[in-house]
Amino acid sequence: MADDNSSNSQSHGFAERLKSWLSWSWTYVCAVWFAMVLTMIYVLRSPLKLQESVTAASVFLNTLTPKFYVALTGTSSLISGLILIFEWWYFRKYGTSFIEQVSVSHLRPLLGGVENSSSAGLFTSASGEVEQRPSVSECKVWRNPLNLFRGAEYSRYTWVTGREPLTYYDMNLSAQDHQTFFTCDTQQLKPEDTVMQKAWRERNPQARIRAAYQALELNHECAAAYVLLAEEEATTIVEAERLFKQALKFGMHHIRPHPQSDMRDTNLLVYIKRRLAMCARKLGRIKEAVKMMRDLMKEFPLLGMLNIHENLLEALLELQAYADVQAVLAKYDDISLPKSATICYTSALLKARAVSDKFSPEAASRRGLSTAEMNAVEAIHRAVEFNPHVPKYLLEMKSLILPPEHILKRGDSEAVAYAFFHLQHWKRAEGALNLLHCTWEGTFRIIPYPLEKGHLFYPYPGCTETADRELLPSFHEVSVYPKKELPFFILFTAGLCSFTAMLAMLTHQFPDLMGIFVKAVSHGCCSDILAVQIQ
């Protein structure tokens, strides 16, 4: 296992060195070319030498054959085409032009421009005012309330497809969460607690599992070790539930009065009970899961930041207990509380469900929208403004993947997590997806400049794309909002490629005529240069 890790680190280091070398070569190729031009001008600074060089160039052009022009234009077209393909690939993968990024990052400081970091947080609004744009650090990442089990769900996906559904950045955030929730800074740690502190920091899953067994050897009633085994080693939900029940039994038995330890044990108990409720939900015991979630929310009302109500909403929707869903929304869909895609889209679903079974676009265009239909459309517009990525997943315009363990609110990661669990609830409501399909794009007419001014929410943060690329796997095409225009360098390269391809085709079809044309142009240029030198 250590050999695999060392080989992976070596390959990663080689890839980073190769990428930095390519970046360096592209950065200074223009500078090298410019220096060569200056050197040539310096060598040929004498009018006599320049005249001789122009005459020699004219004689050389006369000796060239049409086949040379065909090869030259074909090679130019091939090179520009390769540059275009690379630029397009880089733009699709990273959302920016490679040439533009290199120019801004490396050439601009060399030429005395402003550093990229000093202007990254600014943008110009439609009125011409410069405003502050949120940086990536301001885009807070939240724990996914409905995150899956690694051993029983994420690992099974990897076994079947050979793809890793979680990114290293996402798993590293989870490791930090576990260290925060399940460890405490005290010198009265028991030996098994010390082992578990190291276990949560381990990067390799097998190393974490071995550390959990080591902690159980020191104390067979270590609840945190059972939690880790339930998350990482259990290959079925039934097995995970059994391990969580053991963890709950020992956790309830060993609550200690020390303040720091008590907070650690409280977090551990809340986590175990929540995961047990999720196990019951996945195994079809939905009423039992709802009762466990309600009891947990009553027992620990101050832990609202864990968003247990989102687990409750999903379970109630599965029971089709829409009155209970509305009661939960009345408590948490408040203007003073933070919103989420689950809150906004569940509210829209309830209002759409009341009118969607009889909704017809043709009839609505003739008679206008009723009050209930207007409320449903406004609720959909509100939800789409909060997270514009969700409708494409609900309408199955984009394929779903397994949700990450962390999400970025209003981002593509939150949209994936919401649609993964709630698509079935939208399909169950007759006509709800049809109403969403007919009305969701109307939101963008209300907010023509979403990065500058919102309608019901703050302006859409411009940092979501970068953060979502860290949270979502590389094989997923990250949804970008608002859609970016193609960079200038891609358009320029496309025009250059098209022009050289046209020249190559004309030279191939009419080699003699193109040879005469090139010679005429070159002779004209040489004559103009000689005339300037004589004057």
Protein backbone atom coordinates (compact mmCIF):
# COMPACT_ATOMS: atom_id res chain seq x y z
CA MET A 1 0.00 0.00 0.00
CA ALA A 2 2.89 2.30 0.78
CA ASP A 3 4.39 1.52 -2.63
CA ASP A 4 1.12 2.53 -4.28
CA ASN A 5 1.03 5.80 -2.37
CA SER A 6 4.65 6.58 -3.26
CA SER A 7 4.08 5.79 -6.94
CA ASN A 8 0.94 7.94 -6.97
CA SER A 9 2.81 10.84 -5.37
CA GLN A 10 5.67 10.47 -7.86
CA SER A 11 3.30 10.46 -10.84
CA HIS A 12 1.42 13.44 -9.39
CA GLY A 13 4.72 15.29 -8.91
CA PHE A 14 5.79 14.53 -12.49
CA ALA A 15 2.45 15.80 -13.82
CA GLU A 16 2.81 18.99 -11.80
CA ARG A 17 6.37 19.54 -13.09
CA LEU A 18 5.24 18.91 -16.68
CA LYS A 19 2.36 21.36 -16.29
CA SER A 20 4.64 24.01 -14.80
CA TRP A 21 7.17 23.51 -17.61
CA LEU A 22 4.46 23.92 -20.26
CA SER A 23 3.21 27.03 -18.50
CA TRP A 24 6.74 28.44 -18.38
CA SER A 25 7.41 27.69 -22.07
CA TRP A 26 4.14 29.32 -23.18
CA THR A 27 4.85 32.27 -20.94
CA TYR A 28 8.22 33.16 -22.42
CA VAL A 29 7.81 32.05 -26.04
CA CYS A 30 6.51 35.51 -27.00
CA ALA A 31 9.38 37.17 -25.17
CA VAL A 32 11.92 34.96 -26.96
CA TRP A 33 10.33 35.70 -30.34
CA PHE A 34 10.36 39.43 -29.63
CA ALA A 35 14.04 39.26 -28.63
CA MET A 36 14.89 37.42 -31.86
CA VAL A 37 13.13 40.09 -33.92
CA LEU A 38 15.06 42.84 -32.13
CA THR A 39 18.33 40.99 -32.69
CA MET A 40 17.61 40.59 -36.40
CA ILE A 41 16.78 44.28 -36.74
CA TYR A 42 20.00 45.17 -34.93
CA VAL A 43 22.11 42.96 -37.21
CA LEU A 44 20.40 44.35 -40.33
CA ARG A 45 20.37 47.95 -39.12
CA SER A 46 22.60 49.16 -41.99
CA PRO A 47 20.61 50.19 -45.10
CA LEU A 48 23.10 48.37 -47.35
CA LYS A 49 22.80 45.14 -45.43
CA LEU A 50 19.04 45.44 -45.26
CA GLN A 51 18.86 46.08 -48.97
CA GLU A 52 21.05 43.05 -49.64
CA SER A 53 18.89 40.95 -47.37
CA VAL A 54 15.69 42.07 -49.09
CA THR A 55 17.22 41.29 -52.48
CA ALA A 56 18.34 37.88 -51.26
CA ALA A 57 14.87 37.20 -49.88
CA SER A 58 13.33 38.14 -53.22
CA VAL A 59 15.68 35.78 -55.08
CA PHE A 60 14.90 33.03 -52.56
CA LEU A 61 11.14 33.41 -53.02
CA ASN A 62 11.55 33.12 -56.79
CA THR A 63 13.17 29.71 -56.34
CA LEU A 64 10.32 28.29 -54.24
CA THR A 65 8.01 25.75 -55.89
CA PRO A 66 4.22 25.51 -55.52
CA LYS A 67 4.67 22.31 -53.48
CA PHE A 68 6.52 24.35 -50.87
CA TYR A 69 3.57 26.72 -50.52
CA VAL A 70 1.20 23.76 -50.14
CA ALA A 71 3.36 22.30 -47.37
CA LEU A 72 3.74 25.67 -45.67
CA THR A 73 0.02 26.51 -45.58
CA GLY A 74 -0.87 22.95 -44.59
CA THR A 75 1.59 23.01 -41.69
CA SER A 76 0.31 26.41 -40.54
CA SER A 77 -3.27 25.16 -40.65
CA LEU A 78 -2.33 22.05 -38.65
CA ILE A 79 -0.51 24.04 -35.96
CA SER A 80 -3.34 26.56 -35.56
CA GLY A 81 -5.84 23.70 -35.43
CA LEU A 82 -3.90 21.99 -32.63
CA ILE A 83 -3.74 25.26 -30.71
CA LEU A 84 -7.51 25.68 -31.16
CA ILE A 85 -8.21 22.15 -29.90
CA PHE A 86 -5.98 22.67 -26.86
CA GLU A 87 -7.56 26.05 -26.05
CA TRP A 88 -11.08 24.61 -26.34
CA TRP A 89 -10.21 21.62 -24.15
CA TYR A 90 -8.64 23.86 -21.50
CA PHE A 91 -11.65 26.17 -21.55
CA ARG A 92 -14.10 23.27 -21.13
CA LYS A 93 -12.08 21.80 -18.25
CA TYR A 94 -11.06 24.91 -16.32
CA GLY A 95 -13.47 27.59 -17.56
CA THR A 96 -10.79 30.01 -18.83
CA SER A 97 -8.45 30.50 -21.77
CA PHE A 98 -4.95 29.06 -21.23
CA ILE A 99 -3.22 31.81 -23.22
CA GLU A 100 -5.20 34.50 -21.40
CA GLN A 101 -4.50 32.96 -18.00
CA VAL A 102 -0.77 32.67 -18.68
CA SER A 103 -0.63 36.21 -20.04
CA VAL A 104 -2.40 37.68 -17.01
CA SER A 105 -0.53 35.56 -14.47
CA HIS A 106 3.02 35.85 -15.83
CA LEU A 107 3.43 38.42 -18.59
CA ARG A 108 1.35 41.20 -17.05
CA PRO A 109 3.50 41.51 -13.88
CA LEU A 110 6.66 41.47 -16.02
CA LEU A 111 5.30 44.36 -18.06
CA GLY A 112 4.50 46.38 -14.94
CA GLY A 113 0.81 45.57 -14.76
CA VAL A 114 -1.28 45.03 -11.66
CA GLU A 115 -0.96 41.70 -9.91
CA ASN A 116 -3.76 39.26 -10.52
CA SER A 117 -4.48 38.88 -6.83
CA SER A 118 -5.17 42.57 -6.37
CA SER A 119 -7.87 42.70 -9.01
CA ALA A 120 -9.38 39.24 -8.71
CA GLY A 121 -12.09 40.40 -6.36
CA LEU A 122 -13.34 43.30 -8.48
CA PHE A 123 -15.74 43.49 -11.37
CA THR A 124 -17.50 46.24 -13.24
CA SER A 125 -21.27 46.44 -13.06
CA ALA A 126 -23.59 47.49 -15.84
CA SER A 127 -23.55 51.04 -14.49
CA GLY A 128 -19.77 51.21 -14.71
CA GLU A 129 -19.17 51.07 -10.97
CA VAL A 130 -16.48 48.80 -9.58
CA GLU A 131 -17.85 46.44 -6.94
CA GLN A 132 -16.41 43.68 -4.80
CA ARG A 133 -16.91 40.10 -5.99
CA PRO A 134 -16.84 37.31 -3.40
CA SER A 135 -13.57 35.39 -3.39
CA VAL A 136 -13.34 31.61 -3.27
CA SER A 137 -12.64 31.71 0.46
CA GLU A 138 -15.99 33.44 1.00
CA CYS A 139 -17.90 30.55 -0.60
CA LYS A 140 -18.65 28.48 2.48
CA VAL A 141 -18.78 24.72 2.01
CA TRP A 142 -21.42 22.82 4.01
CA ARG A 143 -21.67 19.21 5.06
CA ASN A 144 -24.20 17.39 2.87
CA PRO A 145 -27.07 16.47 5.24
CA LEU A 146 -27.93 13.38 3.17
CA ASN A 147 -24.41 12.21 2.38
CA LEU A 148 -24.08 8.54 1.49
CA PHE A 149 -22.15 5.79 3.28
CA ARG A 150 -18.62 5.30 1.97
CA GLY A 151 -18.39 1.54 2.38
CA ALA A 152 -21.97 0.61 1.54
CA GLU A 153 -22.61 3.09 -1.30
CA TYR A 154 -19.61 5.07 -2.57
CA SER A 155 -17.30 2.04 -2.58
CA ARG A 156 -19.87 -0.12 -4.37
CA TYR A 157 -20.02 2.49 -7.13
CA THR A 158 -16.23 2.34 -7.43
CA TRP A 159 -16.28 -1.47 -7.63
CA VAL A 160 -18.84 -1.42 -10.45
CA THR A 161 -17.60 1.52 -12.55
CA GLY A 162 -13.94 1.84 -11.59
CA ARG A 163 -14.49 5.58 -10.96
CA GLU A 164 -13.90 7.47 -7.76
CA PRO A 165 -17.09 9.40 -6.85
CA LEU A 166 -15.36 11.53 -4.20
CA THR A 167 -12.53 13.99 -4.69
CA TYR A 168 -9.55 14.24 -2.36
CA TYR A 169 -10.62 17.77 -1.43
CA ASP A 170 -14.07 16.50 -0.40
CA MET A 171 -12.66 13.62 1.67
CA ASN A 172 -10.14 15.93 3.31
CA LEU A 173 -13.00 18.20 4.42
CA SER A 174 -14.75 15.17 5.91
CA ALA A 175 -11.59 14.23 7.81
CA GLN A 176 -11.48 17.75 9.26
CA ASP A 177 -15.15 17.48 10.25
CA HIS A 178 -14.55 14.18 12.04
CA GLN A 179 -11.58 15.60 13.93
CA THR A 180 -13.67 18.58 15.00
CA PHE A 181 -16.74 16.57 16.03
CA PHE A 182 -15.19 13.48 17.60
CA THR A 183 -11.96 14.68 19.27
CA CYS A 184 -11.26 17.04 22.15
CA ASP A 185 -8.22 19.04 23.27
CA THR A 186 -7.58 17.61 26.71
CA GLN A 187 -4.69 15.90 28.40
CA GLN A 188 -7.01 13.26 29.89
CA LEU A 189 -7.33 11.38 26.63
CA LYS A 190 -7.48 7.63 26.87
CA PRO A 191 -5.18 5.54 24.66
CA GLU A 192 -8.03 4.58 22.31
CA ASP A 193 -8.95 8.27 21.89
CA THR A 194 -5.38 9.04 20.84
CA VAL A 195 -5.51 6.24 18.28
CA MET A 196 -8.82 7.52 16.90
CA GLN A 197 -7.45 11.05 16.64
CA LYS A 198 -4.79 9.68 14.30
CA ALA A 199 -7.32 7.48 12.51
CA TRP A 200 -9.46 10.42 11.40
CA ARG A 201 -6.37 12.07 9.89
CA GLU A 202 -5.34 9.03 7.87
CA ARG A 203 -5.70 9.48 4.12
CA ASN A 204 -5.83 5.79 3.21
CA PRO A 205 -9.14 3.98 4.00
CA GLN A 206 -7.43 0.73 4.97
CA ALA A 207 -5.18 2.60 7.39
CA ARG A 208 -8.24 4.17 9.04
CA ILE A 209 -9.90 0.76 9.40
CA ARG A 210 -6.75 -0.75 10.92
CA ALA A 211 -6.56 2.14 13.38
CA ALA A 212 -10.20 1.56 14.39
CA TYR A 213 -9.49 -2.10 15.13
CA GLN A 214 -6.42 -1.06 17.10
CA ALA A 215 -8.63 1.25 19.20
CA LEU A 216 -11.06 -1.62 19.81
CA GLU A 217 -8.18 -3.79 21.01
CA LEU A 218 -7.40 -1.12 23.59
CA ASN A 219 -11.07 -0.69 24.52
CA HIS A 220 -13.76 -2.88 22.97
CA GLU A 221 -16.37 -0.24 23.90
CA CYS A 222 -14.85 2.62 21.85
CA ALA A 223 -17.89 4.17 20.15
CA ALA A 224 -15.87 6.28 17.70
CA ALA A 225 -14.16 3.14 16.35
CA TYR A 226 -17.55 1.54 15.61
CA VAL A 227 -18.62 4.73 13.83
CA LEU A 228 -15.58 4.60 11.57
CA LEU A 229 -16.13 0.91 10.78
CA ALA A 230 -19.80 1.56 10.00
CA GLU A 231 -18.87 4.33 7.60
CA GLU A 232 -15.81 2.78 5.96
CA GLU A 233 -15.87 -1.03 6.23
CA ALA A 234 -19.55 -2.00 6.19
CA THR A 235 -20.54 -3.02 2.67
CA THR A 236 -24.31 -3.02 3.27
CA ILE A 237 -26.70 -0.67 5.04
CA VAL A 238 -27.78 -3.52 7.34
CA GLU A 239 -24.21 -4.06 8.49
CA ALA A 240 -23.68 -0.33 8.93
CA GLU A 241 -26.85 -0.11 11.05
CA ARG A 242 -25.63 -2.95 13.28
CA LEU A 243 -22.32 -1.19 13.91
CA PHE A 244 -24.04 2.14 14.59
CA LYS A 245 -26.30 0.45 17.16
CA GLN A 246 -23.23 -0.89 18.93
CA ALA A 247 -21.70 2.58 18.86
CA LEU A 248 -24.89 4.06 20.30
CA LYS A 249 -24.98 1.45 23.09
CA PHE A 250 -21.41 2.18 24.20
CA GLY A 251 -21.71 5.92 23.58
CA MET A 252 -24.74 6.22 25.88
CA HIS A 253 -22.93 4.20 28.52
CA HIS A 254 -19.72 6.24 28.61
CA ILE A 255 -20.82 9.91 28.65
CA ARG A 256 -18.39 11.73 30.93
CA PRO A 257 -18.91 14.97 32.89
CA HIS A 258 -15.79 16.79 31.59
CA PRO A 259 -16.99 19.83 29.55
CA GLN A 260 -14.82 19.16 26.54
CA SER A 261 -15.46 15.45 26.60
CA ASP A 262 -19.17 16.08 27.03
CA MET A 263 -19.24 18.19 23.86
CA ARG A 264 -17.33 15.50 22.01
CA ASP A 265 -19.70 12.79 23.26
CA THR A 266 -22.74 14.93 22.42
CA ASN A 267 -21.54 15.39 18.85
CA LEU A 268 -20.86 11.67 18.62
CA LEU A 269 -24.34 10.74 19.89
CA VAL A 270 -26.05 13.18 17.51
CA TYR A 271 -24.05 11.81 14.59
CA ILE A 272 -24.84 8.18 15.49
CA LYS A 273 -28.58 8.79 15.94
CA ARG A 274 -28.78 10.71 12.70
CA ARG A 275 -27.02 7.97 10.75
CA LEU A 276 -29.28 5.36 12.35
CA ALA A 277 -32.30 7.35 11.17
CA MET A 278 -30.81 7.47 7.67
CA CYS A 279 -30.25 3.69 7.78
CA ALA A 280 -33.90 3.19 8.69
CA ARG A 281 -34.92 5.49 5.80
CA LYS A 282 -32.79 3.55 3.31
CA LEU A 283 -34.14 0.20 4.57
CA GLY A 284 -37.75 1.30 4.06
CA ARG A 285 -38.68 1.92 7.70
CA ILE A 286 -39.63 5.49 6.93
CA LYS A 287 -42.04 6.15 9.83
CA GLU A 288 -39.39 4.95 12.26
CA ALA A 289 -36.86 7.24 10.57
CA VAL A 290 -39.23 10.23 10.86
CA LYS A 291 -39.77 9.56 14.58
CA MET A 292 -36.01 9.32 15.19
CA MET A 293 -35.38 12.58 13.37
CA ARG A 294 -38.14 14.41 15.27
CA ASP A 295 -36.84 13.12 18.60
CA LEU A 296 -33.31 14.17 17.67
CA MET A 297 -34.44 17.69 16.79
CA LYS A 298 -36.33 17.99 20.10
CA GLU A 299 -33.45 16.60 22.14
CA PHE A 300 -30.82 18.87 20.57
CA PRO A 301 -32.63 22.02 19.37
CA LEU A 302 -29.45 24.11 19.33
CA LEU A 303 -27.80 21.95 16.65
CA GLY A 304 -29.82 23.44 13.80
CA MET A 305 -26.60 24.02 11.87
CA LEU A 306 -26.54 20.27 11.13
CA ASN A 307 -29.67 20.73 8.98
CA ILE A 308 -31.42 17.63 10.30
CA HIS A 309 -34.69 19.15 9.10
CA GLU A 310 -33.58 18.47 5.51
CA ASN A 311 -33.41 14.75 6.31
CA LEU A 312 -36.88 15.05 7.83
CA LEU A 313 -38.30 16.85 4.78
CA GLU A 314 -37.07 14.13 2.41
CA ALA A 315 -38.52 11.35 4.58
CA LEU A 316 -41.88 13.13 4.90
CA LEU A 317 -42.03 13.59 1.12
CA GLU A 318 -41.46 9.87 0.72
CA LEU A 319 -44.45 9.29 3.03
CA GLN A 320 -46.38 11.88 0.96
CA ALA A 321 -47.20 13.63 4.25
CA TYR A 322 -47.45 17.01 2.56
CA ALA A 323 -49.18 18.72 5.51
CA ASP A 324 -46.26 17.77 7.76
CA VAL A 325 -43.83 18.99 5.09
CA GLN A 326 -45.62 22.34 5.04
CA ALA A 327 -45.39 22.54 8.84
CA VAL A 328 -41.62 21.98 8.73
CA LEU A 329 -41.26 24.59 5.98
CA ALA A 330 -43.26 27.10 8.00
CA LYS A 331 -40.63 26.81 10.73
CA TYR A 332 -37.46 26.79 8.64
CA ASP A 333 -38.39 28.77 5.51
CA ASP A 334 -38.00 32.05 7.38
CA ILE A 335 -36.42 35.24 6.08
CA SER A 336 -33.99 35.30 9.01
CA LEU A 337 -32.74 31.73 8.45
CA PRO A 338 -30.26 30.57 5.79
CA LYS A 339 -31.85 29.03 2.74
CA SER A 340 -30.97 25.91 0.81
CA ALA A 341 -32.07 24.24 -2.40
CA THR A 342 -34.07 21.74 -0.34
CA ILE A 343 -36.06 24.52 1.35
CA CYS A 344 -36.71 26.55 -1.81
CA TYR A 345 -37.50 23.69 -4.18
CA THR A 346 -39.64 21.79 -1.66
CA SER A 347 -41.70 24.94 -1.17
CA ALA A 348 -42.01 25.24 -4.97
CA LEU A 349 -43.00 21.57 -5.24
CA LEU A 350 -45.85 21.93 -2.75
CA LYS A 351 -47.25 24.97 -4.56
CA ALA A 352 -46.77 23.39 -7.99
CA ARG A 353 -48.44 20.18 -6.85
CA ALA A 354 -51.65 22.09 -6.07
CA VAL A 355 -52.11 23.26 -9.70
CA SER A 356 -49.84 21.13 -11.89
CA ASP A 357 -52.30 18.30 -12.58
CA LYS A 358 -54.58 20.71 -14.49
CA PHE A 359 -51.98 23.12 -15.81
CA SER A 360 -51.79 23.67 -19.57
CA PRO A 361 -49.50 26.23 -21.21
CA GLU A 362 -51.98 26.84 -24.03
CA ALA A 363 -54.88 27.44 -21.66
CA ALA A 364 -52.77 29.64 -19.42
CA SER A 365 -51.71 31.80 -22.39
CA ARG A 366 -55.37 32.31 -23.38
CA ARG A 367 -56.95 33.03 -20.01
CA GLY A 368 -53.92 34.09 -17.98
CA LEU A 369 -52.61 32.58 -14.76
CA SER A 370 -54.85 32.06 -11.76
CA THR A 371 -53.76 33.16 -8.29
CA ALA A 372 -52.64 29.66 -7.32
CA GLU A 373 -50.75 29.21 -10.58
CA MET A 374 -49.09 32.59 -10.15
CA ASN A 375 -47.98 31.59 -6.65
CA ALA A 376 -46.54 28.35 -8.01
CA VAL A 377 -44.66 30.14 -10.80
CA GLU A 378 -43.27 32.70 -8.36
CA ALA A 379 -42.13 29.90 -6.06
CA ILE A 380 -40.35 28.22 -8.98
CA HIS A 381 -38.71 31.51 -9.96
CA ARG A 382 -37.57 31.96 -6.36
CA ALA A 383 -36.07 28.48 -6.25
CA VAL A 384 -34.35 28.88 -9.62
CA GLU A 385 -32.87 32.22 -8.55
CA PHE A 386 -31.41 30.58 -5.45
CA ASN A 387 -29.93 27.64 -7.37
CA PRO A 388 -30.23 27.80 -11.18
CA HIS A 389 -28.50 24.43 -11.70
CA VAL A 390 -31.27 22.23 -10.25
CA PRO A 391 -33.87 22.30 -13.09
CA LYS A 392 -31.54 20.65 -15.62
CA TYR A 393 -31.16 17.66 -13.30
CA LEU A 394 -34.86 17.47 -12.41
CA LEU A 395 -35.80 17.68 -16.10
CA GLU A 396 -33.09 15.10 -16.88
CA MET A 397 -31.30 17.45 -19.26
CA LYS A 398 -28.08 16.52 -17.44
CA SER A 399 -27.08 13.14 -16.06
CA LEU A 400 -26.86 12.69 -12.31
CA ILE A 401 -23.87 11.41 -10.34
CA LEU A 402 -23.49 10.37 -6.71
CA PRO A 403 -23.69 13.46 -4.50
CA PRO A 404 -20.51 14.65 -2.75
CA GLU A 405 -20.06 14.66 1.02
CA HIS A 406 -19.91 18.47 1.00
CA ILE A 407 -21.91 20.97 -0.99
CA LEU A 408 -21.67 24.61 -1.92
CA LYS A 409 -24.97 26.40 -1.50
CA ARG A 410 -26.31 27.79 -4.79
CA GLY A 411 -23.69 25.73 -6.63
CA ASP A 412 -23.73 22.70 -8.91
CA SER A 413 -22.74 20.40 -6.03
CA GLU A 414 -25.89 21.36 -4.09
CA ALA A 415 -27.98 20.84 -7.22
CA VAL A 416 -26.59 17.32 -7.68
CA ALA A 417 -27.25 16.46 -4.03
CA TYR A 418 -30.82 17.80 -4.11
CA ALA A 419 -31.84 16.20 -7.40
CA PHE A 420 -30.31 12.84 -6.44
CA PHE A 421 -32.74 12.46 -3.53
CA HIS A 422 -35.73 14.58 -4.62
CA LEU A 423 -36.19 13.77 -8.31
CA GLN A 424 -38.52 10.91 -7.39
CA HIS A 425 -40.73 13.28 -5.37
CA TRP A 426 -41.12 15.65 -8.32
CA LYS A 427 -42.00 12.73 -10.60
CA ARG A 428 -44.61 11.55 -8.13
CA ALA A 429 -46.46 14.89 -8.29
CA GLU A 430 -48.42 14.74 -11.55
CA GLY A 431 -47.57 17.62 -13.90
CA ALA A 432 -45.03 19.23 -11.54
CA LEU A 433 -42.09 18.67 -13.89
CA ASN A 434 -44.17 19.96 -16.82
CA LEU A 435 -44.90 23.18 -14.93
CA LEU A 436 -41.20 23.48 -14.05
CA HIS A 437 -40.24 22.92 -17.69
CA CYS A 438 -42.59 25.68 -18.89
CA THR A 439 -41.63 28.34 -16.37
CA TRP A 440 -38.09 27.93 -14.98
CA GLU A 441 -36.27 29.83 -17.75
CA GLY A 442 -38.45 32.89 -17.15
CA THR A 443 -36.41 33.52 -14.01
CA PHE A 444 -33.48 34.78 -16.06
CA ARG A 445 -35.56 37.63 -17.50
CA ILE A 446 -36.09 38.90 -13.96
CA ILE A 447 -32.37 38.91 -13.16
CA PRO A 448 -30.51 39.93 -16.35
CA TYR A 449 -27.29 40.61 -14.39
CA PRO A 450 -27.24 37.89 -11.71
CA LEU A 451 -23.64 38.55 -10.63
CA GLU A 452 -24.45 42.17 -9.88
CA LYS A 453 -28.00 42.30 -8.56
CA GLY A 454 -30.49 39.66 -7.43
CA HIS A 455 -34.26 39.82 -7.16
CA LEU A 456 -35.08 37.97 -3.92
CA PHE A 457 -31.57 36.93 -2.88
CA TYR A 458 -28.10 38.38 -2.89
CA PRO A 459 -26.27 38.47 -6.24
CA TYR A 460 -25.17 35.07 -7.42
CA PRO A 461 -21.61 34.39 -6.15
CA GLY A 462 -19.01 34.20 -8.87
CA CYS A 463 -16.84 31.70 -6.98
CA THR A 464 -19.14 28.66 -7.24
CA GLU A 465 -17.57 27.22 -10.39
CA THR A 466 -14.07 27.01 -8.90
CA ALA A 467 -15.28 25.48 -5.64
CA ASP A 468 -17.59 22.99 -7.41
CA ARG A 469 -14.71 21.77 -9.57
CA GLU A 470 -12.91 20.86 -6.32
CA LEU A 471 -15.94 19.10 -4.84
CA LEU A 472 -17.19 17.18 -7.90
CA PRO A 473 -15.28 14.41 -9.71
CA SER A 474 -13.43 15.18 -12.91
CA PHE A 475 -15.69 13.02 -15.09
CA HIS A 476 -18.66 15.26 -14.26
CA GLU A 477 -19.26 18.33 -16.41
CA VAL A 478 -19.72 21.16 -13.93
CA SER A 479 -22.70 23.38 -14.63
CA VAL A 480 -21.70 27.04 -14.99
CA TYR A 481 -23.99 30.00 -14.34
CA PRO A 482 -24.22 32.46 -15.92
CA LYS A 483 -22.93 31.01 -19.17
CA LYS A 484 -19.50 32.36 -20.06
CA GLU A 485 -18.78 33.82 -23.46
CA LEU A 486 -15.94 32.27 -25.43
CA PRO A 487 -12.62 34.00 -24.64
CA PHE A 488 -11.06 36.23 -27.29
CA PHE A 489 -8.09 33.92 -27.81
CA ILE A 490 -10.35 30.99 -28.73
CA LEU A 491 -12.20 33.11 -31.29
CA PHE A 492 -8.90 34.48 -32.61
CA THR A 493 -7.41 31.00 -32.90
CA ALA A 494 -10.57 29.74 -34.62
CA GLY A 495 -10.35 32.57 -37.17
CA LEU A 496 -6.64 31.93 -37.72
CA CYS A 497 -7.26 28.20 -38.16
CA SER A 498 -10.07 28.85 -40.65
CA PHE A 499 -7.96 31.34 -42.62
CA THR A 500 -4.92 29.05 -42.85
CA ALA A 501 -7.15 26.08 -43.74
CA MET A 502 -8.68 28.11 -46.58
CA LEU A 503 -5.21 29.08 -47.81
CA ALA A 504 -4.10 25.46 -47.66
CA MET A 505 -7.14 24.34 -49.67
CA LEU A 506 -6.66 27.06 -52.30
CA THR A 507 -2.94 26.30 -52.56
CA HIS A 508 -3.68 22.61 -52.98
CA GLN A 509 -6.31 23.20 -55.67
CA PHE A 510 -4.52 26.07 -57.49
CA PRO A 511 -0.80 25.77 -56.69
CA ASP A 512 0.45 27.79 -59.67
CA LEU A 513 -1.93 30.71 -59.14
CA MET A 514 -1.23 30.83 -55.39
CA GLY A 515 2.54 30.72 -56.08
CA ILE A 516 2.20 33.68 -58.45
CA PHE A 517 0.07 35.53 -55.87
CA VAL A 518 2.59 34.97 -53.05
CA LYS A 519 5.50 36.05 -55.25
CA ALA A 520 3.64 39.19 -56.30
CA VAL A 521 2.86 40.09 -52.70
CA SER A 522 6.42 39.39 -51.57
CA HIS A 523 7.90 41.43 -54.45
CA GLY A 524 5.58 44.31 -53.63
CA CYS A 525 6.61 44.24 -49.96
CA CYS A 526 10.30 44.07 -50.87
CA SER A 527 9.93 47.00 -53.28
CA ASP A 528 8.23 49.12 -50.63
CA ILE A 529 10.98 48.35 -48.12
CA LEU A 530 13.70 49.25 -50.66
CA ALA A 531 11.92 52.48 -51.54
CA VAL A 532 11.77 53.48 -47.89
CA GLN A 533 15.45 52.71 -47.40
CA ILE A 534 16.49 54.71 -50.50
CA GLN A 535 14.53 57.73 -49.28
